[in-house]
Amino acid sequence: MRCFRLLAPALLLFATASAQLEPPPGPAAPMPAANDTDPSYRLAAGDSLSVNLYGEPDMSASQRLDNNGVLRLPMIGEVKLGGLTVREAEATLEKLYQSRELLKKPLVTINVSNYALREVSVLGAVRSPGNFQFPKETTSLDIADLITRLGGFTPTAKSDAVSVIRRKPDGTEEVTTVDVERMISGRRRGDSTRREFAVFPGDRIWVPERLF
């Protein structure tokens, strides 16, 4: 009993010293940036992007896609991301960082901080002609849905011969005549073969009037 009383203070002192020698826990590893943008959204010229690399804050950047859909990033340079989905763009950058031996296992997160203005012009025999702005994260609209959003055709509209003017990459214009009346009538009848025609930002739509 006397021996235990003599050893107890020594054991307590040893335990205290050992606890003081243990290194404090290191800081928790930062979590990857959350992706607040729909991964299926297709990037377009004018979108402002926040590109984050997990664990590499010096290589992260906030840039705007130029008119050609190109982004400029540190250590990589110019990369065309316009037309890719967010998920595809992330995978493209990860492959570039790996192939150039900049990072072994890069984890890229892309968020759209500001969406480019997307409009289509609709003129002629519709109830609310003018410029229509696409909803956020929408890159195309069905022409029949678009006409419906604008209040529909006027009574004098030649809705079976709607012109869609689209500028092609080479600068020339392509004009397509669309029978929108047939699309709308088919949906009213519950036609199972749904017909659609997609319109994109920058398209111009002209609805002529019938000649009586």
N, C-alpha and C. Protein backbone atom coordinates (compact mmCIF):
# COMPACT_ATOMS: atom_id res chain seq x y z
N MET A 1 0.83 -1.21 0.00
CA MET A 1 0.00 0.00 0.00
C MET A 1 0.87 1.25 0.00
N ARG A 2 1.94 1.22 0.79
CA ARG A 2 2.85 2.37 0.88
C ARG A 2 3.57 2.57 -0.45
N CYS A 3 3.88 1.40 -1.08
CA CYS A 3 4.57 1.48 -2.39
C CYS A 3 3.68 2.12 -3.43
N PHE A 4 2.37 1.76 -3.43
CA PHE A 4 1.43 2.34 -4.42
C PHE A 4 1.31 3.85 -4.22
N ARG A 5 1.29 4.28 -2.91
CA ARG A 5 1.19 5.72 -2.65
C ARG A 5 2.41 6.46 -3.17
N LEU A 6 3.55 5.83 -3.18
CA LEU A 6 4.76 6.48 -3.66
C LEU A 6 4.80 6.55 -5.18
N LEU A 7 4.22 5.50 -5.84
CA LEU A 7 4.27 5.42 -7.29
C LEU A 7 3.17 6.24 -7.96
N ALA A 8 2.07 6.49 -7.29
CA ALA A 8 0.92 7.17 -7.91
C ALA A 8 1.27 8.54 -8.45
N PRO A 9 1.98 9.39 -7.67
CA PRO A 9 2.33 10.71 -8.24
C PRO A 9 3.22 10.60 -9.47
N ALA A 10 4.11 9.63 -9.48
CA ALA A 10 5.01 9.47 -10.63
C ALA A 10 4.24 9.05 -11.86
N LEU A 11 3.27 8.10 -11.67
CA LEU A 11 2.47 7.65 -12.81
C LEU A 11 1.63 8.80 -13.37
N LEU A 12 1.07 9.63 -12.46
CA LEU A 12 0.26 10.77 -12.91
C LEU A 12 1.11 11.75 -13.69
N LEU A 13 2.35 12.01 -13.22
CA LEU A 13 3.24 12.93 -13.90
C LEU A 13 3.61 12.41 -15.28
N PHE A 14 3.84 11.07 -15.39
CA PHE A 14 4.20 10.46 -16.68
C PHE A 14 3.06 10.56 -17.68
N ALA A 15 1.84 10.31 -17.20
CA ALA A 15 0.66 10.37 -18.08
C ALA A 15 0.45 11.79 -18.59
N THR A 16 0.66 12.77 -17.70
CA THR A 16 0.49 14.17 -18.10
C THR A 16 1.51 14.57 -19.15
N ALA A 17 2.75 14.14 -18.96
CA ALA A 17 3.81 14.49 -19.90
C ALA A 17 3.56 13.83 -21.26
N SER A 18 3.06 12.58 -21.24
CA SER A 18 2.78 11.89 -22.50
C SER A 18 1.69 12.58 -23.28
N ALA A 19 0.66 13.05 -22.56
CA ALA A 19 -0.45 13.74 -23.22
C ALA A 19 0.03 15.03 -23.87
N GLN A 20 0.96 15.72 -23.20
CA GLN A 20 1.47 16.97 -23.74
C GLN A 20 2.35 16.74 -24.97
N LEU A 21 2.96 15.55 -25.08
CA LEU A 21 3.83 15.26 -26.21
C LEU A 21 3.05 14.88 -27.47
N GLU A 22 1.78 14.45 -27.33
CA GLU A 22 0.99 14.05 -28.49
C GLU A 22 0.70 15.27 -29.36
N PRO A 23 0.96 15.19 -30.66
CA PRO A 23 0.73 16.35 -31.54
C PRO A 23 -0.76 16.66 -31.65
N PRO A 24 -1.11 17.94 -31.71
CA PRO A 24 -2.52 18.29 -31.86
C PRO A 24 -3.04 17.82 -33.21
N PRO A 25 -4.32 17.52 -33.31
CA PRO A 25 -4.88 17.08 -34.60
C PRO A 25 -4.73 18.17 -35.65
N GLY A 26 -4.40 17.77 -36.87
CA GLY A 26 -4.23 18.74 -37.96
C GLY A 26 -5.56 19.31 -38.39
N PRO A 27 -5.51 20.41 -39.15
CA PRO A 27 -6.76 21.02 -39.61
C PRO A 27 -7.49 20.09 -40.56
N ALA A 28 -8.80 20.15 -40.53
CA ALA A 28 -9.61 19.31 -41.40
C ALA A 28 -9.38 19.70 -42.85
N ALA A 29 -9.35 18.68 -43.72
CA ALA A 29 -9.14 18.95 -45.13
C ALA A 29 -10.33 19.71 -45.71
N PRO A 30 -10.07 20.69 -46.55
CA PRO A 30 -11.18 21.46 -47.13
C PRO A 30 -12.05 20.58 -48.01
N MET A 31 -13.33 20.86 -48.01
CA MET A 31 -14.26 20.10 -48.82
C MET A 31 -14.29 20.66 -50.23
N PRO A 32 -14.55 19.79 -51.25
CA PRO A 32 -14.68 20.32 -52.62
C PRO A 32 -15.81 21.33 -52.70
N ALA A 33 -15.66 22.31 -53.58
CA ALA A 33 -16.69 23.33 -53.74
C ALA A 33 -17.99 22.69 -54.21
N ALA A 34 -19.09 23.14 -53.65
CA ALA A 34 -20.39 22.61 -54.05
C ALA A 34 -20.75 23.13 -55.44
N ASN A 35 -21.37 22.25 -56.24
CA ASN A 35 -21.79 22.65 -57.58
C ASN A 35 -23.25 23.06 -57.53
N ASP A 36 -23.50 24.36 -57.68
CA ASP A 36 -24.86 24.88 -57.60
C ASP A 36 -25.53 24.97 -58.96
N THR A 37 -24.81 24.64 -60.03
CA THR A 37 -25.35 24.73 -61.39
C THR A 37 -25.75 23.34 -61.86
N ASP A 38 -26.85 23.26 -62.58
CA ASP A 38 -27.31 22.00 -63.14
C ASP A 38 -26.20 21.41 -64.00
N PRO A 39 -25.73 20.18 -63.68
CA PRO A 39 -24.62 19.58 -64.45
C PRO A 39 -24.95 19.38 -65.92
N SER A 40 -26.25 19.33 -66.28
CA SER A 40 -26.62 19.11 -67.67
C SER A 40 -26.77 20.42 -68.45
N TYR A 41 -26.59 21.55 -67.77
CA TYR A 41 -26.70 22.85 -68.44
C TYR A 41 -25.56 23.02 -69.44
N ARG A 42 -25.87 23.48 -70.65
CA ARG A 42 -24.85 23.68 -71.67
C ARG A 42 -24.32 25.12 -71.61
N LEU A 43 -23.03 25.23 -71.47
CA LEU A 43 -22.39 26.54 -71.37
C LEU A 43 -22.48 27.28 -72.70
N ALA A 44 -22.61 28.60 -72.61
CA ALA A 44 -22.74 29.42 -73.81
C ALA A 44 -21.88 30.66 -73.69
N ALA A 45 -21.56 31.24 -74.84
CA ALA A 45 -20.76 32.47 -74.87
C ALA A 45 -21.41 33.54 -74.01
N GLY A 46 -20.60 34.21 -73.19
CA GLY A 46 -21.12 35.24 -72.30
C GLY A 46 -21.36 34.78 -70.89
N ASP A 47 -21.42 33.46 -70.66
CA ASP A 47 -21.57 32.96 -69.30
C ASP A 47 -20.32 33.27 -68.48
N SER A 48 -20.51 33.70 -67.24
CA SER A 48 -19.38 33.92 -66.33
C SER A 48 -19.25 32.68 -65.45
N LEU A 49 -18.05 32.10 -65.43
CA LEU A 49 -17.82 30.84 -64.74
C LEU A 49 -16.88 31.00 -63.55
N SER A 50 -17.14 30.22 -62.53
CA SER A 50 -16.23 30.09 -61.40
C SER A 50 -15.67 28.67 -61.46
N VAL A 51 -14.38 28.56 -61.74
CA VAL A 51 -13.72 27.27 -61.88
C VAL A 51 -12.87 27.02 -60.64
N ASN A 52 -13.21 25.97 -59.89
CA ASN A 52 -12.51 25.66 -58.64
C ASN A 52 -11.81 24.31 -58.74
N LEU A 53 -10.55 24.27 -58.31
CA LEU A 53 -9.80 23.02 -58.23
C LEU A 53 -9.62 22.66 -56.76
N TYR A 54 -10.09 21.49 -56.40
CA TYR A 54 -10.03 21.04 -55.01
C TYR A 54 -8.58 21.00 -54.51
N GLY A 55 -8.33 21.75 -53.44
CA GLY A 55 -7.01 21.78 -52.84
C GLY A 55 -6.00 22.63 -53.56
N GLU A 56 -6.41 23.33 -54.63
CA GLU A 56 -5.49 24.17 -55.40
C GLU A 56 -6.10 25.55 -55.61
N PRO A 57 -6.22 26.35 -54.56
CA PRO A 57 -6.88 27.66 -54.71
C PRO A 57 -6.16 28.60 -55.66
N ASP A 58 -4.84 28.47 -55.79
CA ASP A 58 -4.08 29.35 -56.67
C ASP A 58 -4.38 29.08 -58.15
N MET A 59 -4.92 27.90 -58.45
CA MET A 59 -5.21 27.55 -59.83
C MET A 59 -6.68 27.74 -60.18
N SER A 60 -7.47 28.14 -59.21
CA SER A 60 -8.88 28.42 -59.46
C SER A 60 -9.02 29.79 -60.11
N ALA A 61 -10.13 30.01 -60.80
CA ALA A 61 -10.29 31.27 -61.52
C ALA A 61 -11.76 31.57 -61.76
N SER A 62 -12.05 32.84 -61.97
CA SER A 62 -13.39 33.29 -62.36
C SER A 62 -13.23 34.05 -63.68
N GLN A 63 -13.83 33.50 -64.72
CA GLN A 63 -13.66 34.07 -66.05
C GLN A 63 -14.99 34.04 -66.80
N ARG A 64 -15.05 34.81 -67.87
CA ARG A 64 -16.23 34.86 -68.73
C ARG A 64 -15.91 34.19 -70.06
N LEU A 65 -16.81 33.34 -70.53
CA LEU A 65 -16.63 32.74 -71.84
C LEU A 65 -16.73 33.83 -72.91
N ASP A 66 -15.75 33.90 -73.79
CA ASP A 66 -15.80 34.94 -74.82
C ASP A 66 -16.83 34.60 -75.89
N ASN A 67 -16.89 35.40 -76.94
CA ASN A 67 -17.92 35.20 -77.98
C ASN A 67 -17.79 33.88 -78.71
N ASN A 68 -16.63 33.25 -78.61
CA ASN A 68 -16.42 31.94 -79.23
C ASN A 68 -16.56 30.80 -78.24
N GLY A 69 -16.99 31.12 -77.01
CA GLY A 69 -17.15 30.07 -75.99
C GLY A 69 -15.84 29.60 -75.40
N VAL A 70 -14.80 30.46 -75.47
CA VAL A 70 -13.46 30.09 -75.00
C VAL A 70 -13.20 30.68 -73.62
N LEU A 71 -12.57 29.88 -72.75
CA LEU A 71 -12.19 30.31 -71.41
C LEU A 71 -10.67 30.32 -71.32
N ARG A 72 -10.12 31.28 -70.59
CA ARG A 72 -8.67 31.36 -70.40
C ARG A 72 -8.34 31.08 -68.94
N LEU A 73 -7.51 30.06 -68.71
CA LEU A 73 -7.21 29.62 -67.36
C LEU A 73 -5.71 29.63 -67.10
N PRO A 74 -5.31 29.88 -65.84
CA PRO A 74 -3.88 29.84 -65.50
C PRO A 74 -3.27 28.48 -65.79
N MET A 75 -2.07 28.48 -66.38
CA MET A 75 -1.28 27.29 -66.66
C MET A 75 -1.84 26.42 -67.79
N ILE A 76 -3.05 26.70 -68.23
CA ILE A 76 -3.64 25.92 -69.32
C ILE A 76 -3.80 26.77 -70.58
N GLY A 77 -4.20 28.01 -70.38
CA GLY A 77 -4.43 28.89 -71.52
C GLY A 77 -5.87 28.82 -72.00
N GLU A 78 -6.07 28.85 -73.31
CA GLU A 78 -7.41 28.90 -73.87
C GLU A 78 -8.00 27.50 -74.02
N VAL A 79 -9.25 27.38 -73.58
CA VAL A 79 -9.98 26.12 -73.69
C VAL A 79 -11.40 26.43 -74.15
N LYS A 80 -11.85 25.76 -75.20
CA LYS A 80 -13.22 25.98 -75.68
C LYS A 80 -14.17 25.10 -74.87
N LEU A 81 -15.06 25.75 -74.11
CA LEU A 81 -16.03 25.04 -73.29
C LEU A 81 -17.46 25.31 -73.73
N GLY A 82 -17.66 26.33 -74.57
CA GLY A 82 -18.99 26.64 -75.04
C GLY A 82 -19.61 25.47 -75.78
N GLY A 83 -20.87 25.16 -75.47
CA GLY A 83 -21.55 24.03 -76.09
C GLY A 83 -21.47 22.76 -75.27
N LEU A 84 -20.54 22.70 -74.30
CA LEU A 84 -20.43 21.53 -73.43
C LEU A 84 -21.36 21.68 -72.23
N THR A 85 -21.81 20.55 -71.68
CA THR A 85 -22.52 20.62 -70.42
C THR A 85 -21.51 20.93 -69.31
N VAL A 86 -22.00 21.33 -68.16
CA VAL A 86 -21.11 21.63 -67.03
C VAL A 86 -20.29 20.39 -66.69
N ARG A 87 -20.93 19.23 -66.67
CA ARG A 87 -20.21 18.00 -66.34
C ARG A 87 -19.13 17.69 -67.38
N GLU A 88 -19.46 17.89 -68.67
CA GLU A 88 -18.48 17.64 -69.72
C GLU A 88 -17.31 18.61 -69.63
N ALA A 89 -17.61 19.87 -69.30
CA ALA A 89 -16.55 20.87 -69.16
C ALA A 89 -15.62 20.52 -68.00
N GLU A 90 -16.18 20.08 -66.89
CA GLU A 90 -15.36 19.68 -65.74
C GLU A 90 -14.43 18.53 -66.12
N ALA A 91 -14.99 17.53 -66.83
CA ALA A 91 -14.17 16.38 -67.25
C ALA A 91 -13.08 16.81 -68.24
N THR A 92 -13.40 17.74 -69.12
CA THR A 92 -12.41 18.23 -70.09
C THR A 92 -11.23 18.89 -69.39
N LEU A 93 -11.51 19.73 -68.40
CA LEU A 93 -10.43 20.40 -67.68
C LEU A 93 -9.61 19.41 -66.86
N GLU A 94 -10.27 18.46 -66.23
CA GLU A 94 -9.54 17.45 -65.44
C GLU A 94 -8.56 16.67 -66.32
N LYS A 95 -9.00 16.32 -67.54
CA LYS A 95 -8.11 15.59 -68.46
C LYS A 95 -6.92 16.46 -68.88
N LEU A 96 -7.17 17.75 -69.08
CA LEU A 96 -6.08 18.65 -69.47
C LEU A 96 -5.04 18.77 -68.36
N TYR A 97 -5.50 18.94 -67.13
CA TYR A 97 -4.56 19.05 -66.01
C TYR A 97 -3.74 17.77 -65.86
N GLN A 98 -4.36 16.62 -66.13
CA GLN A 98 -3.64 15.36 -66.02
C GLN A 98 -2.69 15.16 -67.19
N SER A 99 -3.16 15.40 -68.41
CA SER A 99 -2.32 15.14 -69.59
C SER A 99 -1.10 16.04 -69.64
N ARG A 100 -1.21 17.24 -69.07
CA ARG A 100 -0.07 18.15 -69.05
C ARG A 100 0.77 17.99 -67.78
N GLU A 101 0.42 16.97 -66.99
CA GLU A 101 1.15 16.63 -65.77
C GLU A 101 1.22 17.80 -64.78
N LEU A 102 0.13 18.54 -64.72
CA LEU A 102 0.05 19.64 -63.75
C LEU A 102 -0.50 19.14 -62.42
N LEU A 103 -1.45 18.21 -62.48
CA LEU A 103 -2.03 17.62 -61.28
C LEU A 103 -2.25 16.13 -61.53
N LYS A 104 -2.08 15.32 -60.48
CA LYS A 104 -2.25 13.88 -60.63
C LYS A 104 -3.73 13.48 -60.66
N LYS A 105 -4.47 13.97 -59.69
CA LYS A 105 -5.89 13.62 -59.62
C LYS A 105 -6.72 14.90 -59.41
N PRO A 106 -6.84 15.71 -60.45
CA PRO A 106 -7.57 16.97 -60.29
C PRO A 106 -9.07 16.74 -60.11
N LEU A 107 -9.66 17.58 -59.30
CA LEU A 107 -11.12 17.56 -59.11
C LEU A 107 -11.62 18.97 -59.37
N VAL A 108 -12.28 19.13 -60.50
CA VAL A 108 -12.73 20.44 -60.97
C VAL A 108 -14.23 20.60 -60.73
N THR A 109 -14.60 21.76 -60.21
CA THR A 109 -16.02 22.11 -60.05
C THR A 109 -16.27 23.43 -60.76
N ILE A 110 -17.28 23.45 -61.63
CA ILE A 110 -17.64 24.66 -62.37
C ILE A 110 -19.02 25.12 -61.96
N ASN A 111 -19.12 26.39 -61.63
CA ASN A 111 -20.41 27.02 -61.35
C ASN A 111 -20.59 28.23 -62.26
N VAL A 112 -21.81 28.43 -62.74
CA VAL A 112 -22.11 29.62 -63.53
C VAL A 112 -22.53 30.72 -62.57
N SER A 113 -21.69 31.75 -62.46
CA SER A 113 -21.97 32.84 -61.53
C SER A 113 -22.90 33.89 -62.14
N ASN A 114 -22.89 33.96 -63.47
CA ASN A 114 -23.76 34.93 -64.15
C ASN A 114 -24.07 34.40 -65.55
N TYR A 115 -25.35 34.28 -65.85
CA TYR A 115 -25.75 33.74 -67.15
C TYR A 115 -25.81 34.83 -68.21
N ALA A 116 -25.35 34.49 -69.41
CA ALA A 116 -25.42 35.43 -70.53
C ALA A 116 -26.88 35.64 -70.92
N LEU A 117 -27.15 36.82 -71.44
CA LEU A 117 -28.51 37.13 -71.90
C LEU A 117 -28.82 36.29 -73.12
N ARG A 118 -29.95 35.57 -73.06
CA ARG A 118 -30.36 34.71 -74.16
C ARG A 118 -31.75 35.16 -74.62
N GLU A 119 -31.80 35.61 -75.86
CA GLU A 119 -33.07 36.12 -76.39
C GLU A 119 -33.34 35.56 -77.78
N VAL A 120 -34.61 35.52 -78.11
CA VAL A 120 -35.04 35.19 -79.45
C VAL A 120 -36.06 36.25 -79.85
N SER A 121 -35.99 36.68 -81.09
CA SER A 121 -36.89 37.71 -81.59
C SER A 121 -38.08 37.06 -82.30
N VAL A 122 -39.29 37.44 -81.91
CA VAL A 122 -40.51 36.92 -82.53
C VAL A 122 -41.35 38.11 -83.00
N LEU A 123 -41.52 38.23 -84.31
CA LEU A 123 -42.25 39.35 -84.88
C LEU A 123 -43.35 38.84 -85.82
N GLY A 124 -44.27 39.72 -86.13
CA GLY A 124 -45.34 39.36 -87.04
C GLY A 124 -46.66 39.12 -86.31
N ALA A 125 -47.41 38.15 -86.80
CA ALA A 125 -48.78 37.93 -86.34
C ALA A 125 -48.84 37.07 -85.08
N VAL A 126 -48.28 37.57 -84.00
CA VAL A 126 -48.42 36.96 -82.67
C VAL A 126 -48.96 38.03 -81.73
N ARG A 127 -49.57 37.58 -80.64
CA ARG A 127 -50.25 38.53 -79.75
C ARG A 127 -49.29 39.42 -78.98
N SER A 128 -48.10 38.91 -78.69
CA SER A 128 -47.11 39.72 -77.95
C SER A 128 -45.76 39.66 -78.65
N PRO A 129 -45.63 40.36 -79.79
CA PRO A 129 -44.36 40.31 -80.51
C PRO A 129 -43.24 41.03 -79.75
N GLY A 130 -42.01 40.66 -80.06
CA GLY A 130 -40.86 41.29 -79.43
C GLY A 130 -39.79 40.28 -79.10
N ASN A 131 -38.88 40.66 -78.22
CA ASN A 131 -37.79 39.78 -77.80
C ASN A 131 -38.22 38.97 -76.58
N PHE A 132 -37.97 37.68 -76.65
CA PHE A 132 -38.29 36.79 -75.53
C PHE A 132 -37.00 36.31 -74.90
N GLN A 133 -36.87 36.50 -73.59
CA GLN A 133 -35.66 36.08 -72.88
C GLN A 133 -35.83 34.66 -72.37
N PHE A 134 -34.85 33.82 -72.65
CA PHE A 134 -34.91 32.43 -72.23
C PHE A 134 -34.82 32.33 -70.71
N PRO A 135 -35.56 31.39 -70.11
CA PRO A 135 -35.43 31.18 -68.66
C PRO A 135 -34.01 30.74 -68.29
N LYS A 136 -33.65 30.94 -67.05
CA LYS A 136 -32.34 30.56 -66.54
C LYS A 136 -32.05 29.09 -66.82
N GLU A 137 -30.82 28.81 -67.26
CA GLU A 137 -30.32 27.47 -67.55
C GLU A 137 -31.09 26.78 -68.67
N THR A 138 -31.78 27.56 -69.52
CA THR A 138 -32.46 27.00 -70.67
C THR A 138 -31.71 27.42 -71.93
N THR A 139 -31.34 26.44 -72.75
CA THR A 139 -30.56 26.74 -73.95
C THR A 139 -31.38 26.61 -75.23
N SER A 140 -32.58 26.05 -75.15
CA SER A 140 -33.44 25.95 -76.33
C SER A 140 -34.88 25.84 -75.87
N LEU A 141 -35.79 26.19 -76.78
CA LEU A 141 -37.23 26.09 -76.52
C LEU A 141 -37.92 25.53 -77.75
N ASP A 142 -38.98 24.77 -77.52
CA ASP A 142 -39.79 24.30 -78.63
C ASP A 142 -40.59 25.48 -79.18
N ILE A 143 -40.67 25.61 -80.51
CA ILE A 143 -41.29 26.79 -81.11
C ILE A 143 -42.77 26.90 -80.75
N ALA A 144 -43.47 25.78 -80.66
CA ALA A 144 -44.90 25.84 -80.29
C ALA A 144 -45.06 26.32 -78.86
N ASP A 145 -44.19 25.87 -77.95
CA ASP A 145 -44.24 26.34 -76.57
C ASP A 145 -43.93 27.83 -76.49
N LEU A 146 -42.97 28.28 -77.32
CA LEU A 146 -42.60 29.70 -77.33
C LEU A 146 -43.77 30.56 -77.79
N ILE A 147 -44.43 30.16 -78.86
CA ILE A 147 -45.58 30.92 -79.36
C ILE A 147 -46.68 30.97 -78.31
N THR A 148 -46.88 29.87 -77.61
CA THR A 148 -47.90 29.83 -76.55
C THR A 148 -47.56 30.80 -75.44
N ARG A 149 -46.28 30.89 -75.08
CA ARG A 149 -45.86 31.82 -74.02
C ARG A 149 -46.08 33.27 -74.43
N LEU A 150 -46.09 33.52 -75.73
CA LEU A 150 -46.30 34.88 -76.22
C LEU A 150 -47.78 35.17 -76.48
N GLY A 151 -48.67 34.32 -76.01
CA GLY A 151 -50.10 34.56 -76.14
C GLY A 151 -50.74 33.91 -77.34
N GLY A 152 -49.95 33.24 -78.16
CA GLY A 152 -50.49 32.56 -79.33
C GLY A 152 -50.51 33.44 -80.57
N PHE A 153 -51.04 32.87 -81.64
CA PHE A 153 -51.13 33.59 -82.91
C PHE A 153 -52.33 34.54 -82.91
N THR A 154 -52.26 35.55 -83.76
CA THR A 154 -53.43 36.40 -84.01
C THR A 154 -54.35 35.64 -84.99
N PRO A 155 -55.61 36.06 -85.11
CA PRO A 155 -56.53 35.36 -86.02
C PRO A 155 -56.09 35.36 -87.48
N THR A 156 -55.27 36.33 -87.87
CA THR A 156 -54.86 36.43 -89.28
C THR A 156 -53.50 35.76 -89.55
N ALA A 157 -52.93 35.08 -88.55
CA ALA A 157 -51.60 34.49 -88.70
C ALA A 157 -51.60 33.32 -89.68
N LYS A 158 -50.60 33.26 -90.51
CA LYS A 158 -50.37 32.09 -91.37
C LYS A 158 -49.44 31.15 -90.60
N SER A 159 -50.04 30.46 -89.65
CA SER A 159 -49.27 29.69 -88.67
C SER A 159 -48.69 28.40 -89.22
N ASP A 160 -49.03 28.06 -90.48
CA ASP A 160 -48.45 26.87 -91.08
C ASP A 160 -47.20 27.18 -91.90
N ALA A 161 -46.77 28.44 -91.86
CA ALA A 161 -45.58 28.83 -92.63
C ALA A 161 -44.76 29.86 -91.85
N VAL A 162 -44.35 29.49 -90.64
CA VAL A 162 -43.57 30.37 -89.78
C VAL A 162 -42.09 30.26 -90.18
N SER A 163 -41.46 31.39 -90.35
CA SER A 163 -40.05 31.41 -90.77
C SER A 163 -39.14 31.53 -89.54
N VAL A 164 -38.12 30.69 -89.51
CA VAL A 164 -37.09 30.77 -88.47
C VAL A 164 -35.77 31.08 -89.15
N ILE A 165 -35.20 32.24 -88.84
CA ILE A 165 -33.94 32.67 -89.44
C ILE A 165 -32.82 32.45 -88.42
N ARG A 166 -31.82 31.68 -88.82
CA ARG A 166 -30.74 31.32 -87.89
C ARG A 166 -29.39 31.60 -88.55
N ARG A 167 -28.53 32.27 -87.81
CA ARG A 167 -27.18 32.56 -88.32
C ARG A 167 -26.27 31.36 -88.03
N LYS A 168 -25.63 30.88 -89.07
CA LYS A 168 -24.74 29.73 -88.95
C LYS A 168 -23.33 30.19 -88.56
N PRO A 169 -22.47 29.26 -88.12
CA PRO A 169 -21.11 29.65 -87.70
C PRO A 169 -20.31 30.39 -88.76
N ASP A 170 -20.60 30.12 -90.04
CA ASP A 170 -19.83 30.79 -91.09
C ASP A 170 -20.37 32.18 -91.43
N GLY A 171 -21.40 32.62 -90.69
CA GLY A 171 -21.95 33.96 -90.88
C GLY A 171 -23.14 34.03 -91.81
N THR A 172 -23.41 32.97 -92.56
CA THR A 172 -24.57 32.97 -93.45
C THR A 172 -25.84 32.68 -92.66
N GLU A 173 -26.97 33.03 -93.26
CA GLU A 173 -28.25 32.81 -92.58
C GLU A 173 -29.01 31.67 -93.23
N GLU A 174 -29.65 30.87 -92.39
CA GLU A 174 -30.45 29.74 -92.84
C GLU A 174 -31.90 30.01 -92.47
N VAL A 175 -32.81 29.88 -93.44
CA VAL A 175 -34.23 30.12 -93.19
C VAL A 175 -34.98 28.79 -93.30
N THR A 176 -35.73 28.47 -92.24
CA THR A 176 -36.51 27.24 -92.21
C THR A 176 -37.98 27.59 -92.03
N THR A 177 -38.84 26.99 -92.84
CA THR A 177 -40.28 27.20 -92.71
C THR A 177 -40.88 26.08 -91.87
N VAL A 178 -41.59 26.46 -90.81
CA VAL A 178 -42.10 25.49 -89.84
C VAL A 178 -43.62 25.57 -89.79
N ASP A 179 -44.28 24.41 -89.87
CA ASP A 179 -45.73 24.34 -89.75
C ASP A 179 -46.09 24.21 -88.26
N VAL A 180 -46.15 25.34 -87.58
CA VAL A 180 -46.42 25.34 -86.14
C VAL A 180 -47.88 24.98 -85.87
N GLU A 181 -48.76 25.36 -86.77
CA GLU A 181 -50.18 25.04 -86.60
C GLU A 181 -50.40 23.54 -86.50
N ARG A 182 -49.69 22.79 -87.32
CA ARG A 182 -49.82 21.34 -87.28
C ARG A 182 -49.34 20.78 -85.94
N MET A 183 -48.27 21.36 -85.42
CA MET A 183 -47.76 20.91 -84.11
C MET A 183 -48.79 21.13 -83.02
N ILE A 184 -49.35 22.35 -83.00
CA ILE A 184 -50.30 22.69 -81.94
C ILE A 184 -51.57 21.86 -82.07
N SER A 185 -52.07 21.68 -83.31
CA SER A 185 -53.29 20.89 -83.53
C SER A 185 -53.09 19.44 -83.09
N GLY A 186 -51.92 18.89 -83.40
CA GLY A 186 -51.64 17.52 -83.00
C GLY A 186 -51.64 17.34 -81.50
N ARG A 187 -51.13 18.32 -80.78
CA ARG A 187 -51.11 18.23 -79.31
C ARG A 187 -52.52 18.33 -78.74
N ARG A 188 -53.34 19.16 -79.37
CA ARG A 188 -54.72 19.28 -78.91
C ARG A 188 -55.49 17.98 -79.10
N ARG A 189 -55.15 17.23 -80.17
CA ARG A 189 -55.82 15.96 -80.43
C ARG A 189 -55.22 14.82 -79.61
N GLY A 190 -54.13 15.13 -78.90
CA GLY A 190 -53.46 14.08 -78.12
C GLY A 190 -52.63 13.17 -78.99
N ASP A 191 -52.09 13.72 -80.09
CA ASP A 191 -51.25 12.94 -81.00
C ASP A 191 -50.03 12.42 -80.25
N SER A 192 -49.84 11.11 -80.30
CA SER A 192 -48.73 10.50 -79.55
C SER A 192 -47.38 10.81 -80.20
N THR A 193 -47.37 11.11 -81.50
CA THR A 193 -46.12 11.44 -82.19
C THR A 193 -45.89 12.95 -82.09
N ARG A 194 -45.39 13.36 -80.96
CA ARG A 194 -45.18 14.79 -80.69
C ARG A 194 -44.10 15.35 -81.62
N ARG A 195 -44.45 16.41 -82.36
CA ARG A 195 -43.50 17.06 -83.26
C ARG A 195 -42.96 18.31 -82.58
N GLU A 196 -41.66 18.50 -82.69
CA GLU A 196 -41.04 19.65 -82.07
C GLU A 196 -40.04 20.29 -83.04
N PHE A 197 -39.81 21.56 -82.83
CA PHE A 197 -38.76 22.28 -83.55
C PHE A 197 -38.11 23.22 -82.54
N ALA A 198 -36.83 23.01 -82.29
CA ALA A 198 -36.14 23.78 -81.26
C ALA A 198 -35.66 25.12 -81.82
N VAL A 199 -35.87 26.18 -81.04
CA VAL A 199 -35.32 27.49 -81.36
C VAL A 199 -34.25 27.81 -80.32
N PHE A 200 -33.24 28.58 -80.75
CA PHE A 200 -32.10 28.85 -79.90
C PHE A 200 -31.89 30.36 -79.78
N PRO A 201 -31.15 30.78 -78.74
CA PRO A 201 -30.86 32.21 -78.60
C PRO A 201 -30.23 32.77 -79.87
N GLY A 202 -30.70 33.95 -80.27
CA GLY A 202 -30.20 34.56 -81.49
C GLY A 202 -31.07 34.30 -82.71
N ASP A 203 -31.97 33.30 -82.63
CA ASP A 203 -32.87 33.04 -83.74
C ASP A 203 -33.85 34.21 -83.91
N ARG A 204 -34.29 34.39 -85.13
CA ARG A 204 -35.35 35.38 -85.42
C ARG A 204 -36.53 34.64 -86.03
N ILE A 205 -37.71 34.90 -85.50
CA ILE A 205 -38.91 34.20 -85.96
C ILE A 205 -39.88 35.22 -86.55
N TRP A 206 -40.37 34.90 -87.75
CA TRP A 206 -41.32 35.77 -88.43
C TRP A 206 -42.59 34.99 -88.72
N VAL A 207 -43.73 35.53 -88.22
CA VAL A 207 -45.04 34.90 -88.46
C VAL A 207 -45.79 35.77 -89.46
N PRO A 208 -45.96 35.30 -90.71
CA PRO A 208 -46.65 36.12 -91.71
C PRO A 208 -48.17 36.11 -91.49
N GLU A 209 -48.85 37.01 -92.17
CA GLU A 209 -50.30 37.05 -92.13
C GLU A 209 -50.87 36.39 -93.38
N ARG A 210 -52.06 35.88 -93.23
CA ARG A 210 -52.72 35.26 -94.38
C ARG A 210 -53.21 36.34 -95.33
N LEU A 211 -53.18 36.01 -96.62
CA LEU A 211 -53.70 36.92 -97.64
C LEU A 211 -55.11 36.47 -98.01
N PHE A 212 -56.08 37.31 -97.71
CA PHE A 212 -57.47 36.94 -97.96
C PHE A 212 -57.89 37.45 -99.33
